[in-house]
Amino acid sequence: MGNFMSTSAGRFSNQTYIQFIQTTCPYCKMAKNVFNQIGASYKVIELDEHHNGQQLQEALAQMSGARTVPRVFVNGQCIGGGSDTRQLHEQGKLLPLIEKCNPCCLNNASEGSGSGQYTS
């Protein structure tokens, strides 16, 4: 699993905004809604529908210290889950993080507004 985690971590850290979710989780929907509200494009990996979902979730636990979903990453750094994402937005701290790492991703069509399923 170490090689899988290293490969996954490297691939995912190159994405500016990425959310690891489960399709029926209300906190996952909360995180997606925040990104949709601010108009940031993002990538969604639906762990419950991904063929390596369980391995990815194990890798996330080691990378972020939490096994719960969603796990939201901005520019390779885990910012937390759904409540954390919403709180950062309400405090006015999420948008500056996003603008700092890649301002061109704002006001674009969101990859996460559809199924957004990651394919390897």
C-alpha atoms as a PDB file:
ATOM      1  CA  MET A   1       0.000   0.000   0.000  1.00  0.00           C
ATOM      2  CA  GLY A   2       2.946   2.370   0.506  1.00  0.00           C
ATOM      3  CA  ASN A   3       3.611   2.640  -3.214  1.00  0.00           C
ATOM      4  CA  PHE A   4      -0.093   3.179  -3.913  1.00  0.00           C
ATOM      5  CA  MET A   5      -0.175   5.947  -1.287  1.00  0.00           C
ATOM      6  CA  SER A   6       2.933   7.647  -2.657  1.00  0.00           C
ATOM      7  CA  THR A   7       1.598   7.568  -6.201  1.00  0.00           C
ATOM      8  CA  SER A   8      -1.831   8.778  -5.099  1.00  0.00           C
ATOM      9  CA  ALA A   9      -0.442  11.532  -2.897  1.00  0.00           C
ATOM     10  CA  GLY A  10       1.740  12.832  -5.706  1.00  0.00           C
ATOM     11  CA  ARG A  11      -1.077  12.793  -8.223  1.00  0.00           C
ATOM     12  CA  PHE A  12      -3.550  14.484  -5.904  1.00  0.00           C
ATOM     13  CA  SER A  13      -1.177  17.145  -4.603  1.00  0.00           C
ATOM     14  CA  ASN A  14      -0.933  18.514  -8.148  1.00  0.00           C
ATOM     15  CA  GLN A  15      -4.661  19.309  -8.124  1.00  0.00           C
ATOM     16  CA  THR A  16      -5.510  22.759  -6.844  1.00  0.00           C
ATOM     17  CA  TYR A  17      -8.800  21.860  -5.129  1.00  0.00           C
ATOM     18  CA  ILE A  18      -9.894  18.314  -4.571  1.00  0.00           C
ATOM     19  CA  GLN A  19     -12.595  16.711  -2.489  1.00  0.00           C
ATOM     20  CA  PHE A  20     -12.710  13.077  -1.460  1.00  0.00           C
ATOM     21  CA  ILE A  21     -16.343  12.260  -0.783  1.00  0.00           C
ATOM     22  CA  GLN A  22     -19.003   9.599  -0.501  1.00  0.00           C
ATOM     23  CA  THR A  23     -22.058  10.279  -2.623  1.00  0.00           C
ATOM     24  CA  THR A  24     -24.669  10.055   0.165  1.00  0.00           C
ATOM     25  CA  CYS A  25     -22.775  11.985   2.865  1.00  0.00           C
ATOM     26  CA  PRO A  26     -24.423  15.291   3.898  1.00  0.00           C
ATOM     27  CA  TYR A  27     -21.080  16.797   4.977  1.00  0.00           C
ATOM     28  CA  CYS A  28     -19.689  16.010   1.529  1.00  0.00           C
ATOM     29  CA  LYS A  29     -22.597  17.841  -0.064  1.00  0.00           C
ATOM     30  CA  MET A  30     -21.915  20.764   2.286  1.00  0.00           C
ATOM     31  CA  ALA A  31     -18.293  21.015   1.105  1.00  0.00           C
ATOM     32  CA  LYS A  32     -19.319  20.832  -2.561  1.00  0.00           C
ATOM     33  CA  ASN A  33     -21.928  23.540  -2.013  1.00  0.00           C
ATOM     34  CA  VAL A  34     -19.321  25.900  -0.534  1.00  0.00           C
ATOM     35  CA  PHE A  35     -17.086  25.523  -3.597  1.00  0.00           C
ATOM     36  CA  ASN A  36     -20.085  25.957  -5.900  1.00  0.00           C
ATOM     37  CA  GLN A  37     -21.121  29.139  -4.030  1.00  0.00           C
ATOM     38  CA  ILE A  38     -17.736  30.781  -4.481  1.00  0.00           C
ATOM     39  CA  GLY A  39     -17.443  29.651  -8.102  1.00  0.00           C
ATOM     40  CA  ALA A  40     -14.229  27.661  -7.751  1.00  0.00           C
ATOM     41  CA  SER A  41     -13.581  24.735 -10.055  1.00  0.00           C
ATOM     42  CA  TYR A  42     -12.667  21.549  -8.243  1.00  0.00           C
ATOM     43  CA  LYS A  43     -12.212  17.825  -8.648  1.00  0.00           C
ATOM     44  CA  VAL A  44     -14.329  15.267  -6.801  1.00  0.00           C
ATOM     45  CA  ILE A  45     -13.292  11.704  -6.093  1.00  0.00           C
ATOM     46  CA  GLU A  46     -16.283   9.646  -5.024  1.00  0.00           C
ATOM     47  CA  LEU A  47     -14.688   7.013  -2.826  1.00  0.00           C
ATOM     48  CA  ASP A  48     -17.787   4.832  -2.650  1.00  0.00           C
ATOM     49  CA  GLU A  49     -17.856   4.555  -6.451  1.00  0.00           C
ATOM     50  CA  HIS A  50     -14.125   4.430  -7.172  1.00  0.00           C
ATOM     51  CA  HIS A  51     -12.564   1.015  -7.838  1.00  0.00           C
ATOM     52  CA  ASN A  52      -9.731   1.804  -5.363  1.00  0.00           C
ATOM     53  CA  GLY A  53     -11.944   3.751  -2.957  1.00  0.00           C
ATOM     54  CA  GLN A  54     -11.027   1.805   0.162  1.00  0.00           C
ATOM     55  CA  GLN A  55      -7.302   2.071  -0.563  1.00  0.00           C
ATOM     56  CA  LEU A  56      -7.685   5.789  -1.241  1.00  0.00           C
ATOM     57  CA  GLN A  57      -9.524   6.252   2.048  1.00  0.00           C
ATOM     58  CA  GLU A  58      -6.709   4.452   3.894  1.00  0.00           C
ATOM     59  CA  ALA A  59      -4.164   6.698   2.155  1.00  0.00           C
ATOM     60  CA  LEU A  60      -6.199   9.758   3.146  1.00  0.00           C
ATOM     61  CA  ALA A  61      -6.197   8.635   6.766  1.00  0.00           C
ATOM     62  CA  GLN A  62      -2.409   8.477   6.725  1.00  0.00           C
ATOM     63  CA  MET A  63      -2.002  11.745   4.783  1.00  0.00           C
ATOM     64  CA  SER A  64      -4.506  13.849   6.713  1.00  0.00           C
ATOM     65  CA  GLY A  65      -4.828  12.109  10.072  1.00  0.00           C
ATOM     66  CA  ALA A  66      -8.572  11.544   9.559  1.00  0.00           C
ATOM     67  CA  ARG A  67     -10.484   8.728   7.930  1.00  0.00           C
ATOM     68  CA  THR A  68     -13.816  10.559   7.712  1.00  0.00           C
ATOM     69  CA  VAL A  69     -15.170  12.199   4.579  1.00  0.00           C
ATOM     70  CA  PRO A  70     -15.098  14.619   3.049  1.00  0.00           C
ATOM     71  CA  ARG A  71     -11.402  15.385   3.017  1.00  0.00           C
ATOM     72  CA  VAL A  72     -10.888  18.659   1.208  1.00  0.00           C
ATOM     73  CA  PHE A  73      -7.483  19.642  -0.135  1.00  0.00           C
ATOM     74  CA  VAL A  74      -6.451  23.064  -1.410  1.00  0.00           C
ATOM     75  CA  ASN A  75      -3.137  23.130  -3.245  1.00  0.00           C
ATOM     76  CA  GLY A  76      -2.048  19.830  -1.707  1.00  0.00           C
ATOM     77  CA  GLN A  77      -2.924  20.760   1.893  1.00  0.00           C
ATOM     78  CA  CYS A  78      -5.837  19.192   3.735  1.00  0.00           C
ATOM     79  CA  ILE A  79      -8.129  21.927   5.054  1.00  0.00           C
ATOM     80  CA  GLY A  80     -10.429  19.446   6.778  1.00  0.00           C
ATOM     81  CA  GLY A  81     -13.961  18.231   6.211  1.00  0.00           C
ATOM     82  CA  GLY A  82     -17.315  19.745   5.334  1.00  0.00           C
ATOM     83  CA  SER A  83     -17.761  21.745   8.531  1.00  0.00           C
ATOM     84  CA  ASP A  84     -14.157  22.982   8.367  1.00  0.00           C
ATOM     85  CA  THR A  85     -14.623  24.084   4.762  1.00  0.00           C
ATOM     86  CA  ARG A  86     -17.845  25.919   5.569  1.00  0.00           C
ATOM     87  CA  GLN A  87     -16.278  27.558   8.634  1.00  0.00           C
ATOM     88  CA  LEU A  88     -13.271  28.773   6.625  1.00  0.00           C
ATOM     89  CA  HIS A  89     -15.673  30.231   4.061  1.00  0.00           C
ATOM     90  CA  GLU A  90     -17.813  31.946   6.727  1.00  0.00           C
ATOM     91  CA  GLN A  91     -14.672  33.425   8.305  1.00  0.00           C
ATOM     92  CA  GLY A  92     -13.555  34.761   4.922  1.00  0.00           C
ATOM     93  CA  LYS A  93     -10.448  32.546   4.916  1.00  0.00           C
ATOM     94  CA  LEU A  94     -11.263  30.033   2.163  1.00  0.00           C
ATOM     95  CA  LEU A  95     -11.336  32.399  -0.801  1.00  0.00           C
ATOM     96  CA  PRO A  96      -7.880  33.871  -0.016  1.00  0.00           C
ATOM     97  CA  LEU A  97      -6.465  30.320   0.169  1.00  0.00           C
ATOM     98  CA  ILE A  98      -7.952  29.532  -3.215  1.00  0.00           C
ATOM     99  CA  GLU A  99      -6.868  32.832  -4.768  1.00  0.00           C
ATOM    100  CA  LYS A 100      -3.349  32.370  -3.413  1.00  0.00           C
ATOM    101  CA  CYS A 101      -2.815  28.993  -5.026  1.00  0.00           C
ATOM    102  CA  ASN A 102      -4.519  29.490  -8.389  1.00  0.00           C
ATOM    103  CA  PRO A 103      -6.674  32.549  -9.100  1.00  0.00           C
ATOM    104  CA  CYS A 104      -7.515  31.340 -12.608  1.00  0.00           C
ATOM    105  CA  CYS A 105      -9.679  28.558 -11.143  1.00  0.00           C
ATOM    106  CA  LEU A 106     -12.271  30.995  -9.833  1.00  0.00           C
ATOM    107  CA  ASN A 107     -15.461  31.638 -11.793  1.00  0.00           C
ATOM    108  CA  ASN A 108     -14.890  28.637 -14.068  1.00  0.00           C
ATOM    109  CA  ALA A 109     -17.319  25.797 -14.604  1.00  0.00           C
ATOM    110  CA  SER A 110     -16.980  23.471 -11.659  1.00  0.00           C
ATOM    111  CA  GLU A 111     -15.874  19.937 -12.354  1.00  0.00           C
ATOM    112  CA  GLY A 112     -17.563  19.049  -9.098  1.00  0.00           C
ATOM    113  CA  SER A 113     -20.997  20.216 -10.113  1.00  0.00           C
ATOM    114  CA  GLY A 114     -21.557  17.028 -12.087  1.00  0.00           C
ATOM    115  CA  SER A 115     -20.566  13.537 -11.089  1.00  0.00           C
ATOM    116  CA  GLY A 116     -16.919  14.597 -10.904  1.00  0.00           C
ATOM    117  CA  GLN A 117     -15.797  11.015 -10.478  1.00  0.00           C
ATOM    118  CA  TYR A 118     -12.058  10.551 -10.627  1.00  0.00           C
ATOM    119  CA  THR A 119     -10.739   8.000 -13.055  1.00  0.00           C
ATOM    120  CA  SER A 120      -7.226   6.694 -12.799  1.00  0.00           C
END
